[in-house]
């Protein structure tokens, strides 16, 4: 995950945004916490918290802006 993606995700201020993972799946997410290698997000559709490796995130969709 690039610093641009990370900074954009940290600036969402509690709003939901889209995450595209390397395996092609997409999550409507809200950032909960972050470590050096992982992010924990609230999956809006599944109603659960998910811990994702930063390396598995290939794209973000924040306010209609797609960041790859």
PDB file of N, CA and C in Angstrom:
ATOM      1  N   UNK A   1       0.838  -1.166   0.000  1.00  0.00           N
ATOM      2  CA  UNK A   1       0.000   0.000   0.000  1.00  0.00           C
ATOM      3  C   UNK A   1       0.890   1.239   0.000  1.00  0.00           C
ATOM      4  N   UNK A   2       0.605   2.144  -0.877  1.00  0.00           N
ATOM      5  CA  UNK A   2       1.418   3.355  -0.979  1.00  0.00           C
ATOM      6  C   UNK A   2       1.049   4.358   0.107  1.00  0.00           C
ATOM      7  N   UNK A   3       1.938   5.314   0.338  1.00  0.00           N
ATOM      8  CA  UNK A   3       1.674   6.349   1.338  1.00  0.00           C
ATOM      9  C   UNK A   3       0.473   7.197   0.952  1.00  0.00           C
ATOM     10  N   UNK A   4       0.263   7.373  -0.354  1.00  0.00           N
ATOM     11  CA  UNK A   4      -0.895   8.145  -0.817  1.00  0.00           C
ATOM     12  C   UNK A   4      -2.188   7.462  -0.397  1.00  0.00           C
ATOM     13  N   UNK A   5      -2.284   6.155  -0.636  1.00  0.00           N
ATOM     14  CA  UNK A   5      -3.487   5.417  -0.252  1.00  0.00           C
ATOM     15  C   UNK A   5      -3.688   5.472   1.255  1.00  0.00           C
ATOM     16  N   UNK A   6      -2.602   5.289   1.978  1.00  0.00           N
ATOM     17  CA  UNK A   6      -2.682   5.277   3.428  1.00  0.00           C
ATOM     18  C   UNK A   6      -3.134   6.627   3.981  1.00  0.00           C
ATOM     19  N   UNK A   7      -2.575   7.701   3.459  1.00  0.00           N
ATOM     20  CA  UNK A   7      -2.969   9.028   3.956  1.00  0.00           C
ATOM     21  C   UNK A   7      -4.414   9.344   3.595  1.00  0.00           C
ATOM     22  N   UNK A   8      -4.854   8.955   2.401  1.00  0.00           N
ATOM     23  CA  UNK A   8      -6.252   9.186   2.000  1.00  0.00           C
ATOM     24  C   UNK A   8      -7.196   8.392   2.904  1.00  0.00           C
ATOM     25  N   UNK A   9      -6.826   7.143   3.217  1.00  0.00           N
ATOM     26  CA  UNK A   9      -7.660   6.320   4.071  1.00  0.00           C
ATOM     27  C   UNK A   9      -7.718   6.905   5.487  1.00  0.00           C
ATOM     28  N   UNK A  10      -6.614   7.401   5.998  1.00  0.00           N
ATOM     29  CA  UNK A  10      -6.593   8.001   7.333  1.00  0.00           C
ATOM     30  C   UNK A  10      -7.390   9.298   7.394  1.00  0.00           C
ATOM     31  N   UNK A  11      -7.564   9.969   6.276  1.00  0.00           N
ATOM     32  CA  UNK A  11      -8.291  11.240   6.237  1.00  0.00           C
ATOM     33  C   UNK A  11      -9.783  11.076   5.969  1.00  0.00           C
ATOM     34  N   UNK A  12     -10.297   9.854   6.014  1.00  0.00           N
ATOM     35  CA  UNK A  12     -11.725   9.638   5.752  1.00  0.00           C
ATOM     36  C   UNK A  12     -12.607  10.116   6.900  1.00  0.00           C
ATOM     37  N   UNK A  13     -12.042  10.331   8.064  1.00  0.00           N
ATOM     38  CA  UNK A  13     -12.758  10.910   9.221  1.00  0.00           C
ATOM     39  C   UNK A  13     -14.040  10.150   9.562  1.00  0.00           C
ATOM     40  N   UNK A  14     -13.969   8.828   9.591  1.00  0.00           N
ATOM     41  CA  UNK A  14     -15.116   8.022   9.989  1.00  0.00           C
ATOM     42  C   UNK A  14     -16.110   7.710   8.887  1.00  0.00           C
ATOM     43  N   UNK A  15     -15.874   8.225   7.680  1.00  0.00           N
ATOM     44  CA  UNK A  15     -16.783   7.940   6.563  1.00  0.00           C
ATOM     45  C   UNK A  15     -16.476   6.558   5.978  1.00  0.00           C
ATOM     46  N   UNK A  16     -17.450   6.016   5.266  1.00  0.00           N
ATOM     47  CA  UNK A  16     -17.254   4.739   4.584  1.00  0.00           C
ATOM     48  C   UNK A  16     -16.595   4.973   3.235  1.00  0.00           C
ATOM     49  N   UNK A  17     -15.800   4.005   2.790  1.00  0.00           N
ATOM     50  CA  UNK A  17     -15.113   4.066   1.509  1.00  0.00           C
ATOM     51  C   UNK A  17     -14.960   2.651   0.981  1.00  0.00           C
ATOM     52  N   UNK A  18     -14.626   2.516  -0.294  1.00  0.00           N
ATOM     53  CA  UNK A  18     -14.472   1.208  -0.908  1.00  0.00           C
ATOM     54  C   UNK A  18     -13.027   0.747  -0.891  1.00  0.00           C
ATOM     55  N   UNK A  19     -12.829  -0.535  -0.633  1.00  0.00           N
ATOM     56  CA  UNK A  19     -11.505  -1.156  -0.694  1.00  0.00           C
ATOM     57  C   UNK A  19     -11.564  -2.276  -1.722  1.00  0.00           C
ATOM     58  N   UNK A  20     -10.598  -2.305  -2.625  1.00  0.00           N
ATOM     59  CA  UNK A  20     -10.460  -3.414  -3.558  1.00  0.00           C
ATOM     60  C   UNK A  20      -9.233  -4.207  -3.147  1.00  0.00           C
ATOM     61  N   UNK A  21      -9.435  -5.515  -2.933  1.00  0.00           N
ATOM     62  CA  UNK A  21      -8.333  -6.375  -2.501  1.00  0.00           C
ATOM     63  C   UNK A  21      -7.690  -7.066  -3.696  1.00  0.00           C
ATOM     64  N   UNK A  22      -6.507  -7.590  -3.475  1.00  0.00           N
ATOM     65  CA  UNK A  22      -5.741  -8.255  -4.532  1.00  0.00           C
ATOM     66  C   UNK A  22      -6.515  -9.422  -5.144  1.00  0.00           C
ATOM     67  N   UNK A  23      -7.336 -10.123  -4.349  1.00  0.00           N
ATOM     68  CA  UNK A  23      -8.092 -11.264  -4.873  1.00  0.00           C
ATOM     69  C   UNK A  23      -9.331 -10.848  -5.668  1.00  0.00           C
ATOM     70  N   UNK A  24      -9.558  -9.529  -5.805  1.00  0.00           N
ATOM     71  CA  UNK A  24     -10.664  -9.023  -6.596  1.00  0.00           C
ATOM     72  C   UNK A  24     -11.903  -8.682  -5.795  1.00  0.00           C
ATOM     73  N   UNK A  25     -11.942  -9.074  -4.529  1.00  0.00           N
ATOM     74  CA  UNK A  25     -13.113  -8.757  -3.715  1.00  0.00           C
ATOM     75  C   UNK A  25     -13.103  -7.288  -3.307  1.00  0.00           C
ATOM     76  N   UNK A  26     -14.299  -6.778  -3.037  1.00  0.00           N
ATOM     77  CA  UNK A  26     -14.450  -5.376  -2.669  1.00  0.00           C
ATOM     78  C   UNK A  26     -15.207  -5.286  -1.357  1.00  0.00           C
ATOM     79  N   UNK A  27     -14.830  -4.307  -0.546  1.00  0.00           N
ATOM     80  CA  UNK A  27     -15.424  -4.120   0.773  1.00  0.00           C
ATOM     81  C   UNK A  27     -15.853  -2.667   0.917  1.00  0.00           C
ATOM     82  N   UNK A  28     -17.050  -2.452   1.438  1.00  0.00           N
ATOM     83  CA  UNK A  28     -17.493  -1.121   1.812  1.00  0.00           C
ATOM     84  C   UNK A  28     -17.063  -0.968   3.267  1.00  0.00           C
ATOM     85  N   UNK A  29     -16.035  -0.162   3.530  1.00  0.00           N
ATOM     86  CA  UNK A  29     -15.351  -0.197   4.814  1.00  0.00           C
ATOM     87  C   UNK A  29     -15.286   1.160   5.502  1.00  0.00           C
ATOM     88  N   UNK A  30     -15.056   1.078   6.801  1.00  0.00           N
ATOM     89  CA  UNK A  30     -14.804   2.253   7.638  1.00  0.00           C
ATOM     90  C   UNK A  30     -13.567   1.917   8.466  1.00  0.00           C
ATOM     91  N   UNK A  31     -12.574   2.781   8.439  1.00  0.00           N
ATOM     92  CA  UNK A  31     -11.322   2.530   9.146  1.00  0.00           C
ATOM     93  C   UNK A  31     -11.545   2.520  10.652  1.00  0.00           C
ATOM     94  N   UNK A  32     -11.030   1.466  11.307  1.00  0.00           N
ATOM     95  CA  UNK A  32     -11.116   1.338  12.759  1.00  0.00           C
ATOM     96  C   UNK A  32      -9.758   1.597  13.387  1.00  0.00           C
ATOM     97  N   UNK A  33      -8.716   0.884  12.900  1.00  0.00           N
ATOM     98  CA  UNK A  33      -7.366   1.068  13.437  1.00  0.00           C
ATOM     99  C   UNK A  33      -6.342   0.654  12.397  1.00  0.00           C
ATOM    100  N   UNK A  34      -5.075   0.941  12.737  1.00  0.00           N
ATOM    101  CA  UNK A  34      -3.986   0.665  11.796  1.00  0.00           C
ATOM    102  C   UNK A  34      -2.722   0.297  12.576  1.00  0.00           C
ATOM    103  N   UNK A  35      -1.988  -0.685  12.056  1.00  0.00           N
ATOM    104  CA  UNK A  35      -0.662  -1.003  12.570  1.00  0.00           C
ATOM    105  C   UNK A  35       0.307  -0.859  11.407  1.00  0.00           C
ATOM    106  N   UNK A  36       1.549  -1.223  11.611  1.00  0.00           N
ATOM    107  CA  UNK A  36       2.528  -1.067  10.534  1.00  0.00           C
ATOM    108  C   UNK A  36       2.240  -1.966   9.334  1.00  0.00           C
ATOM    109  N   UNK A  37       1.616  -3.125   9.545  1.00  0.00           N
ATOM    110  CA  UNK A  37       1.360  -4.055   8.447  1.00  0.00           C
ATOM    111  C   UNK A  37      -0.112  -4.323   8.163  1.00  0.00           C
ATOM    112  N   UNK A  38      -0.997  -3.931   9.061  1.00  0.00           N
ATOM    113  CA  UNK A  38      -2.415  -4.268   8.930  1.00  0.00           C
ATOM    114  C   UNK A  38      -3.305  -3.052   9.154  1.00  0.00           C
ATOM    115  N   UNK A  39      -4.510  -3.112   8.581  1.00  0.00           N
ATOM    116  CA  UNK A  39      -5.573  -2.158   8.901  1.00  0.00           C
ATOM    117  C   UNK A  39      -6.783  -2.979   9.346  1.00  0.00           C
ATOM    118  N   UNK A  40      -7.497  -2.474  10.320  1.00  0.00           N
ATOM    119  CA  UNK A  40      -8.739  -3.087  10.756  1.00  0.00           C
ATOM    120  C   UNK A  40      -9.858  -2.159  10.310  1.00  0.00           C
ATOM    121  N   UNK A  41     -10.834  -2.743   9.631  1.00  0.00           N
ATOM    122  CA  UNK A  41     -11.948  -1.958   9.108  1.00  0.00           C
ATOM    123  C   UNK A  41     -13.268  -2.586   9.533  1.00  0.00           C
ATOM    124  N   UNK A  42     -14.288  -1.762   9.577  1.00  0.00           N
ATOM    125  CA  UNK A  42     -15.649  -2.212   9.796  1.00  0.00           C
ATOM    126  C   UNK A  42     -16.252  -2.474   8.424  1.00  0.00           C
ATOM    127  N   UNK A  43     -16.609  -3.723   8.128  1.00  0.00           N
ATOM    128  CA  UNK A  43     -17.226  -4.080   6.852  1.00  0.00           C
ATOM    129  C   UNK A  43     -18.723  -3.777   6.962  1.00  0.00           C
ATOM    130  N   UNK A  44     -19.155  -2.752   6.263  1.00  0.00           N
ATOM    131  CA  UNK A  44     -20.544  -2.283   6.360  1.00  0.00           C
ATOM    132  C   UNK A  44     -21.536  -3.346   5.893  1.00  0.00           C
ATOM    133  N   UNK A  45     -21.227  -4.047   4.816  1.00  0.00           N
ATOM    134  CA  UNK A  45     -22.166  -5.024   4.258  1.00  0.00           C
ATOM    135  C   UNK A  45     -22.282  -6.274   5.128  1.00  0.00           C
ATOM    136  N   UNK A  46     -21.151  -6.777   5.629  1.00  0.00           N
ATOM    137  CA  UNK A  46     -21.164  -7.993   6.444  1.00  0.00           C
ATOM    138  C   UNK A  46     -21.454  -7.690   7.910  1.00  0.00           C
ATOM    139  N   UNK A  47     -21.284  -6.433   8.328  1.00  0.00           N
ATOM    140  CA  UNK A  47     -21.516  -6.072   9.715  1.00  0.00           C
ATOM    141  C   UNK A  47     -20.465  -6.617  10.658  1.00  0.00           C
ATOM    142  N   UNK A  48     -19.232  -6.771  10.173  1.00  0.00           N
ATOM    143  CA  UNK A  48     -18.149  -7.330  10.985  1.00  0.00           C
ATOM    144  C   UNK A  48     -16.899  -6.466  10.870  1.00  0.00           C
ATOM    145  N   UNK A  49     -15.945  -6.710  11.762  1.00  0.00           N
ATOM    146  CA  UNK A  49     -14.626  -6.090  11.671  1.00  0.00           C
ATOM    147  C   UNK A  49     -13.715  -7.056  10.925  1.00  0.00           C
ATOM    148  N   UNK A  50     -12.888  -6.530  10.030  1.00  0.00           N
ATOM    149  CA  UNK A  50     -11.936  -7.354   9.284  1.00  0.00           C
ATOM    150  C   UNK A  50     -10.550  -6.776   9.419  1.00  0.00           C
ATOM    151  N   UNK A  51      -9.573  -7.650   9.605  1.00  0.00           N
ATOM    152  CA  UNK A  51      -8.171  -7.254   9.673  1.00  0.00           C
ATOM    153  C   UNK A  51      -7.545  -7.597   8.328  1.00  0.00           C
ATOM    154  N   UNK A  52      -7.074  -6.576   7.619  1.00  0.00           N
ATOM    155  CA  UNK A  52      -6.527  -6.759   6.272  1.00  0.00           C
ATOM    156  C   UNK A  52      -5.046  -6.405   6.251  1.00  0.00           C
ATOM    157  N   UNK A  53      -4.275  -7.216   5.546  1.00  0.00           N
ATOM    158  CA  UNK A  53      -2.871  -6.863   5.327  1.00  0.00           C
ATOM    159  C   UNK A  53      -2.826  -5.686   4.360  1.00  0.00           C
ATOM    160  N   UNK A  54      -1.991  -4.714   4.664  1.00  0.00           N
ATOM    161  CA  UNK A  54      -1.880  -3.544   3.789  1.00  0.00           C
ATOM    162  C   UNK A  54      -1.451  -3.955   2.386  1.00  0.00           C
ATOM    163  N   UNK A  55      -0.618  -4.996   2.281  1.00  0.00           N
ATOM    164  CA  UNK A  55      -0.141  -5.463   0.974  1.00  0.00           C
ATOM    165  C   UNK A  55      -1.264  -6.039   0.117  1.00  0.00           C
ATOM    166  N   UNK A  56      -2.387  -6.435   0.738  1.00  0.00           N
ATOM    167  CA  UNK A  56      -3.482  -7.034  -0.029  1.00  0.00           C
ATOM    168  C   UNK A  56      -4.425  -5.989  -0.621  1.00  0.00           C
ATOM    169  N   UNK A  57      -4.252  -4.719  -0.255  1.00  0.00           N
ATOM    170  CA  UNK A  57      -5.131  -3.655  -0.751  1.00  0.00           C
ATOM    171  C   UNK A  57      -4.538  -3.045  -2.019  1.00  0.00           C
ATOM    172  N   UNK A  58      -5.275  -3.152  -3.119  1.00  0.00           N
ATOM    173  CA  UNK A  58      -4.765  -2.632  -4.393  1.00  0.00           C
ATOM    174  C   UNK A  58      -5.460  -1.356  -4.834  1.00  0.00           C
ATOM    175  N   UNK A  59      -6.615  -1.039  -4.251  1.00  0.00           N
ATOM    176  CA  UNK A  59      -7.308   0.173  -4.661  1.00  0.00           C
ATOM    177  C   UNK A  59      -8.289   0.665  -3.614  1.00  0.00           C
ATOM    178  N   UNK A  60      -8.534   1.980  -3.661  1.00  0.00           N
ATOM    179  CA  UNK A  60      -9.507   2.605  -2.774  1.00  0.00           C
ATOM    180  C   UNK A  60     -10.463   3.451  -3.603  1.00  0.00           C
ATOM    181  N   UNK A  61     -11.695   3.562  -3.144  1.00  0.00           N
ATOM    182  CA  UNK A  61     -12.665   4.450  -3.762  1.00  0.00           C
ATOM    183  C   UNK A  61     -13.190   5.356  -2.652  1.00  0.00           C
ATOM    184  N   UNK A  62     -12.731   6.602  -2.655  1.00  0.00           N
ATOM    185  CA  UNK A  62     -13.108   7.543  -1.599  1.00  0.00           C
ATOM    186  C   UNK A  62     -13.787   8.742  -2.256  1.00  0.00           C
ATOM    187  N   UNK A  63     -15.049   8.945  -1.918  1.00  0.00           N
ATOM    188  CA  UNK A  63     -15.837  10.058  -2.480  1.00  0.00           C
ATOM    189  C   UNK A  63     -15.812  10.069  -4.002  1.00  0.00           C
ATOM    190  N   UNK A  64     -15.875   8.912  -4.632  1.00  0.00           N
ATOM    191  CA  UNK A  64     -15.876   8.819  -6.083  1.00  0.00           C
ATOM    192  C   UNK A  64     -14.501   8.898  -6.734  1.00  0.00           C
ATOM    193  N   UNK A  65     -13.464   9.137  -5.946  1.00  0.00           N
ATOM    194  CA  UNK A  65     -12.095   9.182  -6.463  1.00  0.00           C
ATOM    195  C   UNK A  65     -11.468   7.794  -6.314  1.00  0.00           C
ATOM    196  N   UNK A  66     -11.044   7.210  -7.420  1.00  0.00           N
ATOM    197  CA  UNK A  66     -10.434   5.890  -7.413  1.00  0.00           C
ATOM    198  C   UNK A  66      -8.920   6.039  -7.325  1.00  0.00           C
ATOM    199  N   UNK A  67      -8.335   5.416  -6.298  1.00  0.00           N
ATOM    200  CA  UNK A  67      -6.898   5.510  -6.061  1.00  0.00           C
ATOM    201  C   UNK A  67      -6.317   4.114  -6.200  1.00  0.00           C
ATOM    202  N   UNK A  68      -5.425   3.936  -7.161  1.00  0.00           N
ATOM    203  CA  UNK A  68      -4.799   2.624  -7.393  1.00  0.00           C
ATOM    204  C   UNK A  68      -3.352   2.658  -7.012  1.00  0.00           C
TER     205      UNK A  68
END
